[in-house]
Amino acid sequence: MHGFRIRLAALALVAATVAGCTQLREYFHPTAPFVSAEWEALLQEVRAFQRRIGFLDTDNFSDLTKEFDGYPTCGHTSRYHLPYSYEDPAIRWRDVETEMECLLEADGSDVFFTTVEAWGEIGTPVTPSMLGGKLDRFLYLVIHEDCHDQFELPYGIEEALCNLITYRAMAAFSREKFGPDSREHRAIRRYAEQQSELTRTTKAVYEQLAVVYARYDRKEISQDALLAERAAVFKKSYRVLGPTRAVPNNVIIANDMTYSRHYPFLETVYEALGRDLARTVAFFRQVDKAKPTPAEVVKKYRLKSASEVEFVRAYEAEVVSTIEKVLADPARR
């Protein structure tokens, strides 16, 4: 009987220890809850917060659709060329419905298929996949897609800017709504911090690849050497970026780079504006008004059209220059 009590006490101690470890893990690595049935009320609260930081109302998320779960996205590109961004014509975006269709059209190229839950600038509805996900992802989608409707900047700037604003806004909103010590706020803040760090990692990986591809373009290495070296970079990045992400290839890294290339620069602008979201939104409205038009960029750089990758690079460079000029002018800032 005495031995039984000792074993029972030991089991209770083990159970308490396991429970304690679980609680500690949840405290230091909190997970966001799923989106609740009260999502409409939450959406209205997010919208009220957005107005306070200067967002104009959008047509997004005005209704719930059950006709589709998301927006299929399929892209192909050569293994022997590293695209600049998702706007690079080197990526062939296909209009298909399934991953199998996407793979069948790849023809030996790098291929990327995904289904995104929402799409800004088209009056995107709330989709079942948004409601079936976690709270942090829901907040990200609402704020990021609404952000796209606030500006008319080149996507290489706007994607990074909207991520920056979204990460800061979702953390600020959750702190107000749920409280600074709540599980929800800690999970949402952690999500924003992790995504911000992944952005910087993506940029570093892309820049490593760019060095390898530049050597190939100069004919310093063979096709086999190129593929071997890029495989090594991708293998290392996969360990860093995490197994939950798609296995990287040229389409994926170029797509992700669209959100990452100018992110560190925009962070410095946000810092210069006192980490003030409303001031940041107002500042980039000024940039939007002051930036050159696409036609002016085409003319200045003597380009054939606005559909070539040289235009994408030039337009982003011109807007970066505009940001610097507006930031340096106290009256406009």
Protein backbone atom coordinates (compact mmCIF):
# COMPACT_ATOMS: atom_id res chain seq x y z
CA MET A 1 0.00 0.00 0.00
CA HIS A 2 2.83 2.35 0.94
CA GLY A 3 4.61 1.59 -2.37
CA PHE A 4 1.37 2.23 -4.26
CA ARG A 5 1.06 5.67 -2.62
CA ILE A 6 4.65 6.50 -3.55
CA ARG A 7 4.03 5.51 -7.17
CA LEU A 8 0.77 7.49 -7.18
CA ALA A 9 2.57 10.53 -5.80
CA ALA A 10 5.32 10.13 -8.40
CA LEU A 11 2.76 9.94 -11.20
CA ALA A 12 1.04 13.05 -9.87
CA LEU A 13 4.40 14.86 -9.80
CA VAL A 14 5.13 13.82 -13.40
CA ALA A 15 1.67 14.98 -14.48
CA ALA A 16 2.14 18.31 -12.71
CA THR A 17 5.56 18.72 -14.31
CA VAL A 18 4.17 17.98 -17.79
CA ALA A 19 1.29 20.38 -17.22
CA GLY A 20 3.75 23.01 -16.00
CA CYS A 21 5.93 22.56 -19.08
CA THR A 22 2.86 22.86 -21.30
CA GLN A 23 1.84 26.06 -19.55
CA LEU A 24 5.36 27.45 -19.88
CA ARG A 25 5.49 26.59 -23.58
CA GLU A 26 2.15 28.28 -24.10
CA TYR A 27 3.36 31.36 -22.23
CA PHE A 28 6.62 31.75 -24.14
CA HIS A 29 5.31 30.38 -27.46
CA PRO A 30 1.59 31.22 -27.41
CA THR A 31 -0.62 30.05 -30.24
CA ALA A 32 -3.45 32.20 -31.50
CA PRO A 33 -6.99 30.87 -31.09
CA PHE A 34 -9.12 30.10 -34.11
CA VAL A 35 -11.38 32.80 -35.50
CA SER A 36 -14.54 32.82 -33.41
CA ALA A 37 -18.15 32.88 -34.55
CA GLU A 38 -18.15 36.58 -33.62
CA TRP A 39 -15.89 37.45 -36.55
CA GLU A 40 -18.24 40.15 -37.88
CA ALA A 41 -18.02 42.14 -34.65
CA LEU A 42 -14.24 41.67 -34.66
CA LEU A 43 -14.06 42.91 -38.25
CA GLN A 44 -15.93 46.06 -37.31
CA GLU A 45 -13.51 46.68 -34.43
CA VAL A 46 -10.55 46.25 -36.78
CA ARG A 47 -12.14 48.69 -39.22
CA ALA A 48 -12.64 51.25 -36.44
CA PHE A 49 -8.96 50.90 -35.51
CA GLN A 50 -7.96 51.29 -39.16
CA ARG A 51 -9.88 54.56 -39.43
CA ARG A 52 -7.98 55.88 -36.44
CA ILE A 53 -4.66 55.32 -38.20
CA GLY A 54 -5.90 56.99 -41.38
CA PHE A 55 -7.26 54.14 -43.51
CA LEU A 56 -10.19 54.93 -45.77
CA ASP A 57 -13.00 52.39 -45.85
CA THR A 58 -12.76 49.76 -48.59
CA ASP A 59 -15.13 47.38 -50.38
CA ASN A 60 -13.22 44.39 -49.03
CA PHE A 61 -14.84 41.85 -46.70
CA SER A 62 -18.31 43.32 -47.09
CA ASP A 63 -19.86 39.89 -47.52
CA LEU A 64 -19.19 36.20 -46.94
CA THR A 65 -18.82 33.87 -49.90
CA LYS A 66 -19.36 30.12 -49.89
CA GLU A 67 -18.80 29.76 -53.62
CA PHE A 68 -15.02 29.39 -53.34
CA ASP A 69 -12.44 28.98 -50.61
CA GLY A 70 -9.71 31.22 -51.97
CA TYR A 71 -7.81 32.36 -55.04
CA PRO A 72 -5.62 29.77 -56.83
CA THR A 73 -2.18 31.06 -57.82
CA CYS A 74 0.15 29.22 -60.20
CA GLY A 75 3.54 30.43 -61.42
CA HIS A 76 6.38 28.95 -63.51
CA THR A 77 9.88 30.19 -64.23
CA SER A 78 13.20 28.86 -65.49
CA ARG A 79 15.66 27.27 -63.07
CA TYR A 80 18.42 29.18 -64.89
CA HIS A 81 17.13 32.69 -64.26
CA LEU A 82 16.37 34.40 -60.93
CA PRO A 83 13.36 36.72 -61.36
CA TYR A 84 13.39 40.15 -59.74
CA SER A 85 9.94 39.96 -58.16
CA TYR A 86 6.49 38.58 -58.81
CA GLU A 87 6.08 41.34 -61.43
CA ASP A 88 9.02 40.06 -63.47
CA PRO A 89 7.75 38.80 -66.85
CA ALA A 90 10.17 35.88 -66.41
CA ILE A 91 7.49 34.38 -64.15
CA ARG A 92 4.58 33.02 -66.15
CA TRP A 93 1.45 33.25 -64.01
CA ARG A 94 -1.13 30.70 -65.11
CA ASP A 95 -4.91 30.77 -64.72
CA VAL A 96 -5.60 27.29 -63.34
CA GLU A 97 -7.82 25.90 -60.62
CA THR A 98 -5.80 22.99 -59.23
CA GLU A 99 -2.25 22.16 -58.26
CA MET A 100 -2.28 19.22 -60.70
CA GLU A 101 -3.06 21.55 -63.60
CA CYS A 102 -0.26 23.85 -62.46
CA LEU A 103 2.25 21.01 -62.27
CA LEU A 104 1.26 19.61 -65.67
CA GLU A 105 2.04 22.95 -67.32
CA ALA A 106 5.43 23.33 -65.63
CA ASP A 107 7.47 21.56 -68.35
CA GLY A 108 10.62 21.26 -66.21
CA SER A 109 10.44 24.79 -64.83
CA ASP A 110 10.28 25.80 -61.20
CA VAL A 111 6.64 25.82 -60.19
CA PHE A 112 4.67 27.32 -57.34
CA PHE A 113 1.00 26.74 -56.55
CA THR A 114 -0.95 28.08 -53.61
CA THR A 115 -4.42 29.29 -52.74
CA VAL A 116 -4.60 32.66 -51.01
CA GLU A 117 -7.53 33.38 -48.72
CA ALA A 118 -8.11 36.99 -49.81
CA TRP A 119 -7.05 39.40 -52.55
CA GLY A 120 -6.99 43.18 -52.16
CA GLU A 121 -8.13 45.83 -54.64
CA ILE A 122 -10.96 43.68 -55.99
CA GLY A 123 -13.53 43.99 -53.20
CA THR A 124 -12.51 40.59 -51.86
CA PRO A 125 -15.14 38.83 -49.73
CA VAL A 126 -14.58 36.96 -46.49
CA THR A 127 -13.81 33.38 -47.52
CA PRO A 128 -14.33 30.12 -45.60
CA SER A 129 -10.55 29.66 -45.41
CA MET A 130 -10.25 32.98 -43.56
CA LEU A 131 -12.83 31.88 -41.00
CA GLY A 132 -11.30 28.42 -40.68
CA GLY A 133 -7.87 29.81 -39.76
CA LYS A 134 -6.19 31.39 -36.77
CA LEU A 135 -6.91 34.84 -35.39
CA ASP A 136 -3.44 36.18 -36.24
CA ARG A 137 -3.80 35.24 -39.92
CA PHE A 138 -7.31 36.72 -40.04
CA LEU A 139 -6.06 40.07 -38.71
CA TYR A 140 -3.12 40.01 -41.11
CA LEU A 141 -5.35 39.43 -44.14
CA VAL A 142 -7.89 42.12 -43.25
CA ILE A 143 -5.34 44.84 -42.54
CA HIS A 144 -2.93 43.95 -45.35
CA GLU A 145 -5.57 43.73 -48.06
CA ASP A 146 -7.29 46.91 -46.86
CA CYS A 147 -3.87 48.59 -46.91
CA HIS A 148 -3.53 47.89 -50.63
CA ASP A 149 -6.62 50.02 -51.24
CA GLN A 150 -4.99 53.02 -49.53
CA PHE A 151 -2.10 53.58 -51.97
CA GLU A 152 -1.16 53.36 -55.64
CA LEU A 153 2.52 52.63 -55.20
CA PRO A 154 4.53 50.09 -57.20
CA TYR A 155 3.88 46.66 -55.75
CA GLY A 156 7.53 46.17 -54.79
CA ILE A 157 7.10 49.10 -52.42
CA GLU A 158 3.46 48.62 -51.49
CA GLU A 159 3.70 44.95 -50.49
CA ALA A 160 6.56 45.70 -48.10
CA LEU A 161 4.87 48.83 -46.77
CA CYS A 162 1.56 47.06 -46.18
CA ASN A 163 3.34 44.25 -44.36
CA LEU A 164 5.16 46.76 -42.18
CA ILE A 165 1.94 48.63 -41.36
CA THR A 166 0.03 45.39 -40.84
CA TYR A 167 2.52 43.84 -38.41
CA ARG A 168 2.58 46.99 -36.31
CA ALA A 169 -1.17 47.55 -36.53
CA MET A 170 -2.23 44.01 -35.62
CA ALA A 171 0.03 44.08 -32.55
CA ALA A 172 -1.33 47.47 -31.48
CA PHE A 173 -4.94 46.42 -32.08
CA SER A 174 -4.62 43.15 -30.16
CA ARG A 175 -2.97 44.94 -27.24
CA GLU A 176 -5.90 47.32 -27.03
CA LYS A 177 -8.60 44.69 -27.48
CA PHE A 178 -7.27 41.76 -25.50
CA GLY A 179 -4.79 43.36 -23.10
CA PRO A 180 -0.97 43.26 -23.03
CA ASP A 181 -0.73 40.01 -21.05
CA SER A 182 -3.43 38.09 -22.88
CA ARG A 183 -2.72 34.92 -24.82
CA GLU A 184 -4.25 36.52 -27.92
CA HIS A 185 -2.00 39.57 -27.86
CA ARG A 186 1.15 37.60 -27.14
CA ALA A 187 0.40 35.19 -29.98
CA ILE A 188 -0.41 37.97 -32.45
CA ARG A 189 2.64 39.99 -31.48
CA ARG A 190 4.80 36.87 -31.82
CA TYR A 191 3.34 36.20 -35.28
CA ALA A 192 4.13 39.77 -36.37
CA GLU A 193 7.68 39.58 -35.02
CA GLN A 194 8.33 36.19 -36.64
CA GLN A 195 7.01 37.33 -40.01
CA SER A 196 9.10 40.47 -39.84
CA GLU A 197 12.19 38.37 -39.15
CA LEU A 198 11.32 35.98 -41.99
CA THR A 199 11.22 39.00 -44.28
CA ARG A 200 14.81 39.87 -43.44
CA THR A 201 15.87 36.24 -43.84
CA THR A 202 14.18 36.06 -47.25
CA LYS A 203 16.09 39.12 -48.38
CA ALA A 204 19.40 37.60 -47.26
CA VAL A 205 18.67 34.31 -49.04
CA TYR A 206 17.69 36.06 -52.26
CA GLU A 207 20.89 38.13 -52.19
CA GLN A 208 22.97 34.95 -51.81
CA LEU A 209 21.20 33.47 -54.81
CA ALA A 210 21.68 36.67 -56.81
CA VAL A 211 25.45 36.30 -56.39
CA VAL A 212 25.31 32.72 -57.69
CA TYR A 213 23.15 33.66 -60.68
CA ALA A 214 25.39 36.63 -61.50
CA ARG A 215 28.34 34.25 -61.76
CA TYR A 216 26.31 32.02 -64.07
CA ASP A 217 25.30 34.99 -66.23
CA ARG A 218 28.98 35.92 -66.56
CA LYS A 219 29.63 32.30 -67.65
CA GLU A 220 31.93 31.70 -64.68
CA ILE A 221 30.06 28.51 -63.70
CA SER A 222 28.23 25.82 -65.65
CA GLN A 223 24.53 24.96 -65.52
CA ASP A 224 25.27 21.96 -63.33
CA ALA A 225 27.33 24.10 -60.94
CA LEU A 226 24.57 26.70 -60.85
CA LEU A 227 21.94 24.15 -59.90
CA ALA A 228 24.22 22.59 -57.28
CA GLU A 229 25.02 25.94 -55.67
CA ARG A 230 21.43 27.15 -55.63
CA ALA A 231 20.36 23.80 -54.15
CA ALA A 232 22.80 24.37 -51.29
CA VAL A 233 21.42 27.87 -50.66
CA PHE A 234 17.82 26.62 -50.77
CA LYS A 235 18.60 23.72 -48.46
CA LYS A 236 20.10 26.05 -45.89
CA SER A 237 17.25 28.54 -46.22
CA TYR A 238 14.66 25.79 -45.80
CA ARG A 239 16.14 24.96 -42.41
CA VAL A 240 16.10 28.64 -41.43
CA LEU A 241 12.69 29.58 -42.83
CA GLY A 242 11.04 26.48 -41.41
CA PRO A 243 9.50 23.26 -42.72
CA THR A 244 5.98 24.74 -42.61
CA ARG A 245 6.81 26.85 -45.67
CA ALA A 246 6.87 25.55 -49.23
CA VAL A 247 10.14 24.04 -50.46
CA PRO A 248 11.83 27.11 -51.98
CA ASN A 249 12.50 27.63 -55.66
CA ASN A 250 12.91 30.61 -57.99
CA VAL A 251 9.20 31.45 -58.19
CA ILE A 252 8.75 31.34 -54.43
CA ILE A 253 11.85 33.35 -53.54
CA ALA A 254 11.07 36.02 -56.18
CA ASN A 255 7.48 36.22 -54.97
CA ASP A 256 8.60 36.57 -51.35
CA MET A 257 11.25 39.11 -52.32
CA THR A 258 8.51 41.43 -53.55
CA TYR A 259 7.48 41.77 -49.89
CA SER A 260 11.03 41.85 -48.56
CA ARG A 261 13.40 43.88 -50.76
CA HIS A 262 12.48 47.33 -49.43
CA TYR A 263 11.20 46.24 -46.01
CA PRO A 264 14.35 47.19 -44.02
CA PHE A 265 14.44 50.63 -45.69
CA LEU A 266 10.76 51.21 -44.89
CA GLU A 267 11.42 50.19 -41.29
CA THR A 268 13.94 53.05 -41.04
CA VAL A 269 11.29 55.44 -42.37
CA TYR A 270 8.80 54.16 -39.78
CA GLU A 271 11.40 54.74 -37.07
CA ALA A 272 12.07 58.26 -38.37
CA LEU A 273 8.34 58.96 -38.12
CA GLY A 274 8.35 58.08 -34.44
CA ARG A 275 6.83 54.61 -34.89
CA ASP A 276 3.50 56.38 -35.33
CA LEU A 277 1.09 54.42 -37.54
CA ALA A 278 -1.21 57.34 -38.34
CA ARG A 279 1.76 59.52 -39.20
CA THR A 280 3.19 56.73 -41.36
CA VAL A 281 -0.05 56.31 -43.34
CA ALA A 282 -0.28 60.08 -43.86
CA PHE A 283 3.38 60.25 -44.90
CA PHE A 284 2.98 57.62 -47.59
CA ARG A 285 -0.10 59.38 -48.91
CA GLN A 286 2.24 62.33 -49.49
CA VAL A 287 4.72 60.02 -51.22
CA ASP A 288 1.92 58.67 -53.38
CA LYS A 289 1.06 62.17 -54.56
CA ALA A 290 4.70 63.16 -55.12
CA LYS A 291 5.91 60.07 -56.98
CA PRO A 292 6.42 60.14 -60.76
CA THR A 293 3.85 58.52 -63.00
CA PRO A 294 4.64 55.25 -64.81
CA ALA A 295 4.71 57.18 -68.10
CA GLU A 296 7.31 59.59 -66.68
CA VAL A 297 9.46 56.66 -65.57
CA VAL A 298 9.24 55.04 -68.99
CA LYS A 299 10.27 58.30 -70.63
CA LYS A 300 13.09 59.09 -68.17
CA TYR A 301 14.72 55.67 -68.55
CA ARG A 302 13.97 55.41 -72.29
CA LEU A 303 12.12 52.15 -71.86
CA LYS A 304 9.90 50.49 -74.43
CA SER A 305 6.98 49.94 -72.05
CA ALA A 306 5.89 49.56 -68.43
CA SER A 307 5.66 45.79 -68.81
CA GLU A 308 9.39 45.01 -68.80
CA VAL A 309 11.40 44.18 -65.68
CA GLU A 310 13.63 47.23 -66.21
CA PHE A 311 10.54 49.36 -65.59
CA VAL A 312 9.73 47.50 -62.36
CA ARG A 313 13.24 48.18 -61.06
CA ALA A 314 13.26 51.81 -62.21
CA TYR A 315 9.81 52.63 -60.81
CA GLU A 316 10.73 51.21 -57.39
CA ALA A 317 14.01 53.17 -57.41
CA GLU A 318 12.16 56.39 -58.27
CA VAL A 319 9.69 55.88 -55.43
CA VAL A 320 12.51 55.15 -52.97
CA SER A 321 14.07 58.44 -54.06
CA THR A 322 10.72 60.19 -53.57
CA ILE A 323 10.41 58.75 -50.07
CA GLU A 324 13.85 60.08 -49.17
CA LYS A 325 13.02 63.53 -50.53
CA VAL A 326 9.69 63.78 -48.71
CA LEU A 327 11.29 62.53 -45.50
CA ALA A 328 14.03 65.18 -45.78
CA ASP A 329 11.47 68.00 -46.22
CA PRO A 330 10.14 69.02 -42.78
CA ALA A 331 7.23 70.95 -44.29
CA ARG A 332 5.95 67.95 -46.26
CA ARG A 333 6.73 65.45 -43.54
